[in-house]
Amino acid sequence: MSTIGQTFAMRILAVGFAVIIFAGCSGGPMTTREKGAGIGALGGAAAGGIIGATVGHPGAGAAIGGALGLGAGALIGDYMQGQEQTNQQQIQQNQRVIESNRQETQRLRQTEY
């Protein structure tokens, strides 16, 4: 790859990271999906850059690795976010059952005395 191609790839990568960083800072706290996507993108770009450097194309490797890592990280983060929501729903259901049992126990105690 020529120097111009490497420079172009590095600029694309820099713009991509800037977009991710600024988009992440634009709202409230990041969701698990967003965290997974960010970690995947950074990890994929690092791994892709290393692999790309061994074949003489670190910029292209980082860009490809970042894109693949972003997708994989988002999928994993989405799964984890779904698990968190399922767990939270189960906790709420358990709390409702506990409260119902507490009220029933209180009612039974009042009828005994």
Protein backbone atom coordinates (compact mmCIF):
# COMPACT_ATOMS: atom_id res chain seq x y z
CA MET A 1 0.00 0.00 0.00
CA SER A 2 1.34 3.43 -0.84
CA THR A 3 1.97 6.15 1.68
CA ILE A 4 -1.10 7.98 0.39
CA GLY A 5 -3.22 4.87 0.96
CA GLN A 6 -1.86 4.43 4.48
CA THR A 7 -2.52 8.09 5.27
CA PHE A 8 -6.06 7.80 3.93
CA ALA A 9 -6.71 4.63 5.97
CA MET A 10 -5.37 6.27 9.13
CA ARG A 11 -7.58 9.33 8.56
CA ILE A 12 -10.64 7.14 8.09
CA LEU A 13 -9.76 5.26 11.28
CA ALA A 14 -9.24 8.51 13.21
CA VAL A 15 -12.58 9.90 12.03
CA GLY A 16 -14.30 6.64 12.98
CA PHE A 17 -12.87 6.74 16.49
CA ALA A 18 -13.79 10.41 16.86
CA VAL A 19 -17.38 9.66 15.85
CA ILE A 20 -17.57 6.78 18.35
CA ILE A 21 -16.12 8.89 21.15
CA PHE A 22 -18.35 11.91 20.54
CA ALA A 23 -21.46 9.79 20.02
CA GLY A 24 -20.76 8.02 23.31
CA CYS A 25 -20.49 11.35 25.12
CA SER A 26 -23.65 12.84 23.64
CA GLY A 27 -26.23 11.32 25.94
CA GLY A 28 -26.66 9.68 29.29
CA PRO A 29 -24.80 6.64 30.52
CA MET A 30 -23.82 4.07 27.92
CA THR A 31 -25.88 0.93 27.62
CA THR A 32 -24.32 -2.50 27.80
CA ARG A 33 -24.75 -2.80 24.02
CA GLU A 34 -22.83 0.43 23.47
CA LYS A 35 -20.08 -0.59 25.86
CA GLY A 36 -19.74 -3.93 24.08
CA ALA A 37 -19.58 -2.22 20.70
CA GLY A 38 -16.90 0.20 21.89
CA ILE A 39 -14.77 -2.49 23.48
CA GLY A 40 -15.17 -4.69 20.41
CA ALA A 41 -14.23 -1.87 18.04
CA LEU A 42 -11.12 -0.95 20.01
CA GLY A 43 -10.05 -4.56 20.47
CA GLY A 44 -10.75 -5.39 16.84
CA ALA A 45 -8.84 -2.35 15.60
CA ALA A 46 -5.85 -3.25 17.77
CA ALA A 47 -5.85 -6.87 16.66
CA GLY A 48 -6.48 -5.90 13.04
CA GLY A 49 -3.65 -3.37 13.17
CA ILE A 50 -1.25 -5.98 14.49
CA ILE A 51 -2.30 -8.55 11.93
CA GLY A 52 -2.27 -5.94 9.17
CA ALA A 53 1.23 -4.83 10.16
CA THR A 54 2.53 -8.36 9.64
CA VAL A 55 1.38 -8.27 6.01
CA GLY A 56 2.30 -4.62 5.43
CA HIS A 57 -1.15 -3.00 5.72
CA PRO A 58 -1.66 -1.86 9.33
CA GLY A 59 -4.22 0.84 8.47
CA ALA A 60 -6.41 -1.48 6.46
CA GLY A 61 -6.08 -4.21 9.09
CA ALA A 62 -7.09 -1.79 11.84
CA ALA A 63 -10.06 -0.53 9.85
CA ILE A 64 -11.29 -4.02 9.00
CA GLY A 65 -10.63 -5.31 12.53
CA GLY A 66 -12.38 -2.30 14.04
CA ALA A 67 -15.46 -2.82 11.90
CA LEU A 68 -15.62 -6.54 12.64
CA GLY A 69 -14.97 -5.91 16.33
CA LEU A 70 -17.70 -3.28 16.41
CA GLY A 71 -20.23 -5.71 14.98
CA ALA A 72 -19.20 -8.60 17.22
CA GLY A 73 -19.04 -6.36 20.30
CA ALA A 74 -22.49 -4.94 19.58
CA LEU A 75 -23.96 -8.43 19.22
CA ILE A 76 -22.38 -9.61 22.46
CA GLY A 77 -23.40 -6.40 24.24
CA ASP A 78 -26.96 -6.78 22.96
CA TYR A 79 -27.11 -10.34 24.30
CA MET A 80 -25.74 -9.22 27.66
CA GLN A 81 -28.22 -6.33 27.82
CA GLY A 82 -31.06 -8.76 27.16
CA GLN A 83 -29.79 -11.00 29.97
CA GLU A 84 -29.66 -7.99 32.32
CA GLN A 85 -33.24 -7.11 31.48
CA THR A 86 -34.38 -10.70 31.99
CA ASN A 87 -32.60 -10.84 35.33
CA GLN A 88 -34.11 -7.52 36.41
CA GLN A 89 -37.60 -8.75 35.51
CA GLN A 90 -37.02 -11.95 37.50
CA ILE A 91 -35.81 -9.94 40.49
CA GLN A 92 -38.93 -7.76 40.33
CA GLN A 93 -41.15 -10.83 40.09
CA ASN A 94 -39.41 -12.38 43.09
CA GLN A 95 -39.85 -9.16 45.06
CA ARG A 96 -43.57 -9.16 44.27
CA VAL A 97 -43.86 -12.78 45.48
CA ILE A 98 -41.93 -11.99 48.65
CA GLU A 99 -44.17 -9.00 49.36
CA SER A 100 -47.28 -11.07 48.71
CA ASN A 101 -46.02 -13.79 51.05
CA ARG A 102 -45.18 -11.20 53.71
CA GLN A 103 -48.69 -9.75 53.49
CA GLU A 104 -50.24 -13.23 53.67
CA THR A 105 -48.12 -14.09 56.70
CA GLN A 106 -49.16 -10.84 58.36
CA ARG A 107 -52.81 -11.58 57.64
CA LEU A 108 -52.53 -15.09 59.08
CA ARG A 109 -50.86 -13.79 62.22
CA GLN A 110 -53.65 -11.30 62.76
CA THR A 111 -56.33 -13.98 62.44
CA GLU A 112 -54.57 -16.21 65.00
CA TYR A 113 -54.63 -13.64 67.78
